[in-house]
Amino acid sequence: MPPLPNKLCAEGCGTIIEGDQRYCAEHQQENRSTDQRRAHDKFRNANDPFRSLYFTARWVALRLCIKIRDKLCRICGHKAIEAIDHIIPARIYVVERNGGDIETFWHENNLQGLCKGCHDHKTATVDRALLAKQ
């Protein structure tokens, strides 16, 4: 079988990679760290009622609907979506804006499709700042 052609890192850094890898060595390490942090956070937040909603069949179906609706990132507009994001963080939207009505967690008008880079940036800046004000 012939070798796979070289390609660019999926993170968009411009690094050329070989074989069946999707990411350069630097981004592979970052992704491993993120995966480990998420696994730890999932365990730590096991009793968090909002966290558990992301593991329901309803969320999986809604996520698919948003992926079909938003084919490109709603922020940058030129990358395929990889994450479904609550425009207003779910905790704020459900508790403060809608009086704790958990049904509002699934409101499509508060959901958007984002590429990984835009989602990570929004979560680290905008969402974190909004949640810190609570």
N, C-alpha and C. Protein backbone atom coordinates (compact mmCIF):
# COMPACT_ATOMS: atom_id res chain seq x y z
N MET A 1 0.85 -1.17 0.00
CA MET A 1 0.00 0.00 0.00
C MET A 1 0.90 1.24 0.00
N PRO A 2 0.61 2.23 -0.84
CA PRO A 2 1.44 3.44 -0.88
C PRO A 2 1.27 4.26 0.39
N PRO A 3 2.31 5.03 0.76
CA PRO A 3 2.20 5.85 1.97
C PRO A 3 1.17 6.97 1.77
N LEU A 4 0.59 7.42 2.89
CA LEU A 4 -0.37 8.51 2.85
C LEU A 4 0.35 9.82 2.52
N PRO A 5 -0.30 10.72 1.80
CA PRO A 5 0.35 11.99 1.48
C PRO A 5 0.48 12.87 2.72
N ASN A 6 1.45 13.77 2.70
CA ASN A 6 1.61 14.72 3.79
C ASN A 6 0.42 15.68 3.79
N LYS A 7 0.13 16.23 4.96
CA LYS A 7 -0.96 17.20 5.08
C LYS A 7 -0.63 18.19 6.18
N LEU A 8 -1.48 19.20 6.33
CA LEU A 8 -1.27 20.21 7.36
C LEU A 8 -1.98 19.82 8.65
N CYS A 9 -1.43 20.26 9.76
CA CYS A 9 -2.03 20.04 11.08
C CYS A 9 -3.48 20.53 11.07
N ALA A 10 -4.37 19.75 11.64
CA ALA A 10 -5.80 20.09 11.68
C ALA A 10 -6.09 21.33 12.52
N GLU A 11 -5.14 21.77 13.35
CA GLU A 11 -5.34 22.97 14.16
C GLU A 11 -5.06 24.24 13.36
N GLY A 12 -4.54 24.07 12.13
CA GLY A 12 -4.31 25.24 11.28
C GLY A 12 -3.02 25.98 11.55
N CYS A 13 -2.05 25.35 12.22
CA CYS A 13 -0.80 26.03 12.54
C CYS A 13 0.17 26.06 11.36
N GLY A 14 -0.11 25.30 10.31
CA GLY A 14 0.75 25.29 9.13
C GLY A 14 1.83 24.23 9.14
N THR A 15 1.94 23.46 10.22
CA THR A 15 2.94 22.39 10.30
C THR A 15 2.53 21.23 9.40
N ILE A 16 3.48 20.74 8.62
CA ILE A 16 3.22 19.59 7.75
C ILE A 16 3.41 18.32 8.57
N ILE A 17 2.43 17.41 8.45
CA ILE A 17 2.50 16.15 9.19
C ILE A 17 2.44 14.99 8.20
N GLU A 18 2.95 13.86 8.63
CA GLU A 18 3.01 12.67 7.79
C GLU A 18 2.08 11.60 8.32
N GLY A 19 1.73 10.67 7.45
CA GLY A 19 0.97 9.50 7.87
C GLY A 19 -0.47 9.80 8.21
N ASP A 20 -1.01 9.01 9.16
CA ASP A 20 -2.42 9.12 9.48
C ASP A 20 -2.71 10.06 10.66
N GLN A 21 -1.73 10.80 11.11
CA GLN A 21 -1.92 11.75 12.22
C GLN A 21 -2.76 12.93 11.73
N ARG A 22 -3.52 13.53 12.64
CA ARG A 22 -4.30 14.73 12.30
C ARG A 22 -3.61 15.99 12.79
N TYR A 23 -2.77 15.85 13.84
CA TYR A 23 -2.18 17.01 14.49
C TYR A 23 -0.65 16.90 14.55
N CYS A 24 0.01 18.05 14.59
CA CYS A 24 1.46 18.07 14.80
C CYS A 24 1.75 17.64 16.23
N ALA A 25 3.01 17.40 16.55
CA ALA A 25 3.39 16.91 17.88
C ALA A 25 2.94 17.88 18.98
N GLU A 26 3.08 19.18 18.74
CA GLU A 26 2.70 20.17 19.76
C GLU A 26 1.20 20.11 20.04
N HIS A 27 0.38 20.05 19.00
CA HIS A 27 -1.06 20.00 19.20
C HIS A 27 -1.53 18.65 19.72
N GLN A 28 -0.81 17.57 19.40
CA GLN A 28 -1.15 16.27 19.97
C GLN A 28 -1.01 16.34 21.49
N GLN A 29 0.08 16.96 21.96
CA GLN A 29 0.30 17.09 23.40
C GLN A 29 -0.78 17.97 24.04
N GLU A 30 -1.11 19.09 23.40
CA GLU A 30 -2.17 19.97 23.92
C GLU A 30 -3.49 19.22 24.02
N ASN A 31 -3.81 18.45 22.97
CA ASN A 31 -5.07 17.70 22.97
C ASN A 31 -5.09 16.63 24.04
N ARG A 32 -3.95 15.97 24.27
CA ARG A 32 -3.87 14.97 25.34
C ARG A 32 -4.10 15.63 26.70
N SER A 33 -3.50 16.80 26.90
CA SER A 33 -3.68 17.52 28.17
C SER A 33 -5.13 17.92 28.36
N THR A 34 -5.75 18.40 27.27
CA THR A 34 -7.16 18.78 27.34
C THR A 34 -8.04 17.58 27.66
N ASP A 35 -7.77 16.45 27.01
CA ASP A 35 -8.53 15.23 27.27
C ASP A 35 -8.40 14.79 28.73
N GLN A 36 -7.18 14.88 29.28
CA GLN A 36 -6.96 14.48 30.66
C GLN A 36 -7.70 15.43 31.61
N ARG A 37 -7.66 16.73 31.30
CA ARG A 37 -8.37 17.71 32.14
C ARG A 37 -9.86 17.46 32.09
N ARG A 38 -10.38 17.19 30.89
CA ARG A 38 -11.82 16.93 30.76
C ARG A 38 -12.23 15.68 31.51
N ALA A 39 -11.42 14.64 31.43
CA ALA A 39 -11.73 13.40 32.16
C ALA A 39 -11.77 13.69 33.66
N HIS A 40 -10.82 14.49 34.14
CA HIS A 40 -10.79 14.85 35.55
C HIS A 40 -12.01 15.70 35.90
N ASP A 41 -12.34 16.68 35.05
CA ASP A 41 -13.49 17.55 35.29
C ASP A 41 -14.79 16.75 35.29
N LYS A 42 -14.90 15.79 34.39
CA LYS A 42 -16.11 14.97 34.31
C LYS A 42 -16.30 14.20 35.61
N PHE A 43 -15.20 13.63 36.13
CA PHE A 43 -15.28 12.91 37.39
C PHE A 43 -15.61 13.86 38.54
N ARG A 44 -14.93 15.02 38.55
CA ARG A 44 -15.11 15.99 39.62
C ARG A 44 -16.53 16.56 39.61
N ASN A 45 -17.11 16.73 38.44
CA ASN A 45 -18.42 17.35 38.32
C ASN A 45 -19.54 16.32 38.10
N ALA A 46 -19.33 15.11 38.54
CA ALA A 46 -20.29 14.03 38.30
C ALA A 46 -21.68 14.37 38.84
N ASN A 47 -21.77 15.14 39.91
CA ASN A 47 -23.07 15.49 40.49
C ASN A 47 -23.62 16.81 39.96
N ASP A 48 -22.96 17.43 39.00
CA ASP A 48 -23.39 18.69 38.41
C ASP A 48 -24.58 18.42 37.49
N PRO A 49 -25.76 18.96 37.79
CA PRO A 49 -26.93 18.66 36.97
C PRO A 49 -26.81 19.16 35.53
N PHE A 50 -26.10 20.24 35.29
CA PHE A 50 -25.93 20.73 33.93
C PHE A 50 -25.02 19.81 33.14
N ARG A 51 -23.96 19.35 33.74
CA ARG A 51 -22.99 18.49 33.05
C ARG A 51 -23.67 17.22 32.55
N SER A 52 -24.55 16.67 33.36
CA SER A 52 -25.19 15.41 32.98
C SER A 52 -26.11 15.57 31.77
N LEU A 53 -26.60 16.78 31.51
CA LEU A 53 -27.49 17.00 30.37
C LEU A 53 -26.78 16.77 29.03
N TYR A 54 -25.46 16.94 29.01
CA TYR A 54 -24.70 16.74 27.78
C TYR A 54 -24.55 15.26 27.41
N PHE A 55 -24.99 14.37 28.27
CA PHE A 55 -24.88 12.94 28.03
C PHE A 55 -26.24 12.28 27.80
N THR A 56 -27.25 13.11 27.50
CA THR A 56 -28.59 12.59 27.26
C THR A 56 -28.83 12.37 25.77
N ALA A 57 -29.77 11.49 25.46
CA ALA A 57 -30.14 11.26 24.07
C ALA A 57 -30.71 12.53 23.45
N ARG A 58 -31.39 13.31 24.25
CA ARG A 58 -31.98 14.56 23.74
C ARG A 58 -30.88 15.51 23.28
N TRP A 59 -29.79 15.62 24.05
CA TRP A 59 -28.69 16.50 23.66
C TRP A 59 -28.02 15.98 22.38
N VAL A 60 -27.82 14.67 22.30
CA VAL A 60 -27.18 14.08 21.12
C VAL A 60 -28.01 14.40 19.87
N ALA A 61 -29.32 14.26 19.95
CA ALA A 61 -30.19 14.55 18.81
C ALA A 61 -30.17 16.04 18.46
N LEU A 62 -30.23 16.89 19.49
CA LEU A 62 -30.22 18.34 19.25
C LEU A 62 -28.88 18.77 18.66
N ARG A 63 -27.81 18.18 19.15
CA ARG A 63 -26.47 18.49 18.64
C ARG A 63 -26.40 18.20 17.14
N LEU A 64 -26.98 17.09 16.72
CA LEU A 64 -27.01 16.74 15.31
C LEU A 64 -27.81 17.77 14.51
N CYS A 65 -28.93 18.21 15.05
CA CYS A 65 -29.75 19.23 14.37
C CYS A 65 -28.97 20.53 14.18
N ILE A 66 -28.22 20.93 15.20
CA ILE A 66 -27.44 22.17 15.11
C ILE A 66 -26.30 21.99 14.11
N LYS A 67 -25.70 20.80 14.06
CA LYS A 67 -24.64 20.54 13.09
C LYS A 67 -25.17 20.63 11.66
N ILE A 68 -26.40 20.20 11.46
CA ILE A 68 -27.01 20.29 10.13
C ILE A 68 -27.35 21.75 9.82
N ARG A 69 -27.86 22.48 10.81
CA ARG A 69 -28.23 23.89 10.62
C ARG A 69 -27.02 24.77 10.38
N ASP A 70 -25.99 24.61 11.21
CA ASP A 70 -24.79 25.47 11.13
C ASP A 70 -23.64 24.66 10.54
N LYS A 71 -23.49 24.70 9.27
CA LYS A 71 -22.43 23.90 8.65
C LYS A 71 -21.05 24.52 8.86
N LEU A 72 -21.00 25.85 8.95
CA LEU A 72 -19.74 26.55 9.18
C LEU A 72 -19.80 27.28 10.52
N CYS A 73 -18.63 27.49 11.10
CA CYS A 73 -18.51 28.17 12.39
C CYS A 73 -19.24 29.51 12.36
N ARG A 74 -20.04 29.78 13.37
CA ARG A 74 -20.80 31.02 13.46
C ARG A 74 -19.93 32.22 13.80
N ILE A 75 -18.69 32.01 14.26
CA ILE A 75 -17.82 33.13 14.58
C ILE A 75 -16.90 33.45 13.41
N CYS A 76 -16.08 32.49 13.00
CA CYS A 76 -15.12 32.77 11.92
C CYS A 76 -15.73 32.58 10.54
N GLY A 77 -16.73 31.72 10.41
CA GLY A 77 -17.44 31.54 9.17
C GLY A 77 -16.75 30.74 8.09
N HIS A 78 -15.56 30.20 8.35
CA HIS A 78 -14.89 29.47 7.29
C HIS A 78 -14.40 28.08 7.65
N LYS A 79 -14.63 27.63 8.88
CA LYS A 79 -14.25 26.27 9.27
C LYS A 79 -15.51 25.47 9.59
N ALA A 80 -15.42 24.16 9.39
CA ALA A 80 -16.53 23.28 9.74
C ALA A 80 -16.70 23.28 11.26
N ILE A 81 -17.93 23.10 11.70
CA ILE A 81 -18.17 23.12 13.14
C ILE A 81 -17.75 21.81 13.78
N GLU A 82 -17.24 21.93 15.00
CA GLU A 82 -16.83 20.76 15.77
C GLU A 82 -17.48 20.75 17.15
N ALA A 83 -18.01 21.89 17.57
CA ALA A 83 -18.59 21.98 18.91
C ALA A 83 -19.92 22.72 18.84
N ILE A 84 -20.84 22.31 19.69
CA ILE A 84 -22.10 23.03 19.84
C ILE A 84 -21.98 23.84 21.12
N ASP A 85 -22.23 25.14 20.99
CA ASP A 85 -21.96 26.09 22.07
C ASP A 85 -23.25 26.79 22.49
N HIS A 86 -23.41 26.96 23.80
CA HIS A 86 -24.48 27.82 24.31
C HIS A 86 -24.00 29.26 24.16
N ILE A 87 -24.72 30.07 23.39
CA ILE A 87 -24.33 31.46 23.16
C ILE A 87 -24.21 32.18 24.50
N ILE A 88 -25.25 32.11 25.28
CA ILE A 88 -25.19 32.56 26.68
C ILE A 88 -24.96 31.28 27.47
N PRO A 89 -23.90 31.21 28.31
CA PRO A 89 -23.61 29.97 29.03
C PRO A 89 -24.88 29.37 29.67
N ALA A 90 -25.00 28.06 29.58
CA ALA A 90 -26.21 27.36 30.03
C ALA A 90 -26.61 27.73 31.45
N ARG A 91 -25.65 27.82 32.36
CA ARG A 91 -25.99 28.15 33.76
C ARG A 91 -26.67 29.51 33.86
N ILE A 92 -26.16 30.48 33.13
CA ILE A 92 -26.75 31.83 33.18
C ILE A 92 -28.09 31.82 32.47
N TYR A 93 -28.14 31.21 31.29
CA TYR A 93 -29.36 31.20 30.48
C TYR A 93 -30.51 30.52 31.21
N VAL A 94 -30.25 29.38 31.80
CA VAL A 94 -31.31 28.62 32.47
C VAL A 94 -31.69 29.26 33.81
N VAL A 95 -30.70 29.53 34.65
CA VAL A 95 -30.98 29.98 36.01
C VAL A 95 -31.39 31.45 36.07
N GLU A 96 -30.59 32.32 35.47
CA GLU A 96 -30.85 33.76 35.61
C GLU A 96 -31.85 34.29 34.60
N ARG A 97 -31.79 33.83 33.37
CA ARG A 97 -32.64 34.38 32.32
C ARG A 97 -34.00 33.69 32.24
N ASN A 98 -34.07 32.46 32.73
CA ASN A 98 -35.31 31.69 32.56
C ASN A 98 -35.80 31.07 33.86
N GLY A 99 -35.44 31.63 34.97
CA GLY A 99 -35.97 31.22 36.26
C GLY A 99 -35.73 29.78 36.65
N GLY A 100 -34.68 29.16 36.12
CA GLY A 100 -34.36 27.79 36.48
C GLY A 100 -35.09 26.73 35.68
N ASP A 101 -35.82 27.13 34.64
CA ASP A 101 -36.55 26.16 33.81
C ASP A 101 -35.55 25.36 32.99
N ILE A 102 -35.30 24.13 33.39
CA ILE A 102 -34.28 23.29 32.76
C ILE A 102 -34.57 23.02 31.29
N GLU A 103 -35.82 23.12 30.89
CA GLU A 103 -36.18 22.93 29.48
C GLU A 103 -35.47 23.94 28.57
N THR A 104 -35.14 25.10 29.10
CA THR A 104 -34.49 26.13 28.28
C THR A 104 -33.04 25.77 27.93
N PHE A 105 -32.49 24.77 28.59
CA PHE A 105 -31.15 24.28 28.25
C PHE A 105 -31.08 23.88 26.77
N TRP A 106 -32.21 23.38 26.25
CA TRP A 106 -32.25 22.87 24.88
C TRP A 106 -32.79 23.88 23.86
N HIS A 107 -32.93 25.14 24.23
CA HIS A 107 -33.42 26.14 23.27
C HIS A 107 -32.44 26.31 22.12
N GLU A 108 -32.90 26.04 20.92
CA GLU A 108 -32.03 26.15 19.74
C GLU A 108 -31.56 27.58 19.49
N ASN A 109 -32.36 28.56 19.91
CA ASN A 109 -31.96 29.95 19.68
C ASN A 109 -30.79 30.38 20.56
N ASN A 110 -30.41 29.56 21.53
CA ASN A 110 -29.24 29.85 22.36
C ASN A 110 -28.08 28.90 22.04
N LEU A 111 -28.16 28.22 20.92
CA LEU A 111 -27.11 27.28 20.54
C LEU A 111 -26.52 27.68 19.19
N GLN A 112 -25.21 27.45 19.05
CA GLN A 112 -24.54 27.74 17.79
C GLN A 112 -23.43 26.73 17.56
N GLY A 113 -23.13 26.49 16.29
CA GLY A 113 -22.04 25.62 15.93
C GLY A 113 -20.76 26.43 15.78
N LEU A 114 -19.68 25.96 16.40
CA LEU A 114 -18.39 26.65 16.33
C LEU A 114 -17.29 25.66 15.98
N CYS A 115 -16.23 26.18 15.33
CA CYS A 115 -15.04 25.36 15.14
C CYS A 115 -14.33 25.25 16.49
N LYS A 116 -13.41 24.33 16.61
CA LYS A 116 -12.74 24.10 17.88
C LYS A 116 -12.01 25.34 18.39
N GLY A 117 -11.30 26.02 17.49
CA GLY A 117 -10.54 27.20 17.90
C GLY A 117 -11.42 28.30 18.44
N CYS A 118 -12.51 28.61 17.74
CA CYS A 118 -13.42 29.67 18.19
C CYS A 118 -14.13 29.25 19.48
N HIS A 119 -14.52 27.98 19.59
CA HIS A 119 -15.18 27.51 20.81
C HIS A 119 -14.23 27.61 22.01
N ASP A 120 -13.00 27.15 21.83
CA ASP A 120 -12.04 27.21 22.93
C ASP A 120 -11.78 28.66 23.36
N HIS A 121 -11.65 29.55 22.39
CA HIS A 121 -11.40 30.96 22.70
C HIS A 121 -12.59 31.59 23.42
N LYS A 122 -13.81 31.34 22.91
CA LYS A 122 -15.01 31.91 23.54
C LYS A 122 -15.17 31.37 24.97
N THR A 123 -14.97 30.09 25.14
CA THR A 123 -15.12 29.49 26.46
C THR A 123 -14.11 30.06 27.44
N ALA A 124 -12.88 30.25 26.99
CA ALA A 124 -11.81 30.74 27.87
C ALA A 124 -11.93 32.22 28.18
N THR A 125 -12.60 32.98 27.34
CA THR A 125 -12.66 34.44 27.55
C THR A 125 -14.07 34.89 27.93
N VAL A 126 -14.97 34.88 26.97
CA VAL A 126 -16.32 35.41 27.18
C VAL A 126 -17.08 34.64 28.25
N ASP A 127 -17.17 33.32 28.08
CA ASP A 127 -17.94 32.52 29.04
C ASP A 127 -17.35 32.59 30.45
N ARG A 128 -16.05 32.50 30.53
CA ARG A 128 -15.39 32.54 31.84
C ARG A 128 -15.66 33.88 32.53
N ALA A 129 -15.62 34.98 31.76
CA ALA A 129 -15.89 36.30 32.33
C ALA A 129 -17.34 36.41 32.80
N LEU A 130 -18.26 35.91 32.01
CA LEU A 130 -19.67 35.96 32.40
C LEU A 130 -19.95 35.14 33.66
N LEU A 131 -19.36 33.95 33.71
CA LEU A 131 -19.58 33.08 34.87
C LEU A 131 -18.90 33.64 36.13
N ALA A 132 -17.80 34.35 35.95
CA ALA A 132 -17.09 34.93 37.10
C ALA A 132 -17.92 36.03 37.76
N LYS A 133 -18.79 36.67 37.01
CA LYS A 133 -19.64 37.75 37.54
C LYS A 133 -20.76 37.23 38.42
N GLN A 134 -21.03 35.92 38.35
CA GLN A 134 -22.14 35.35 39.13
C GLN A 134 -21.87 35.40 40.60
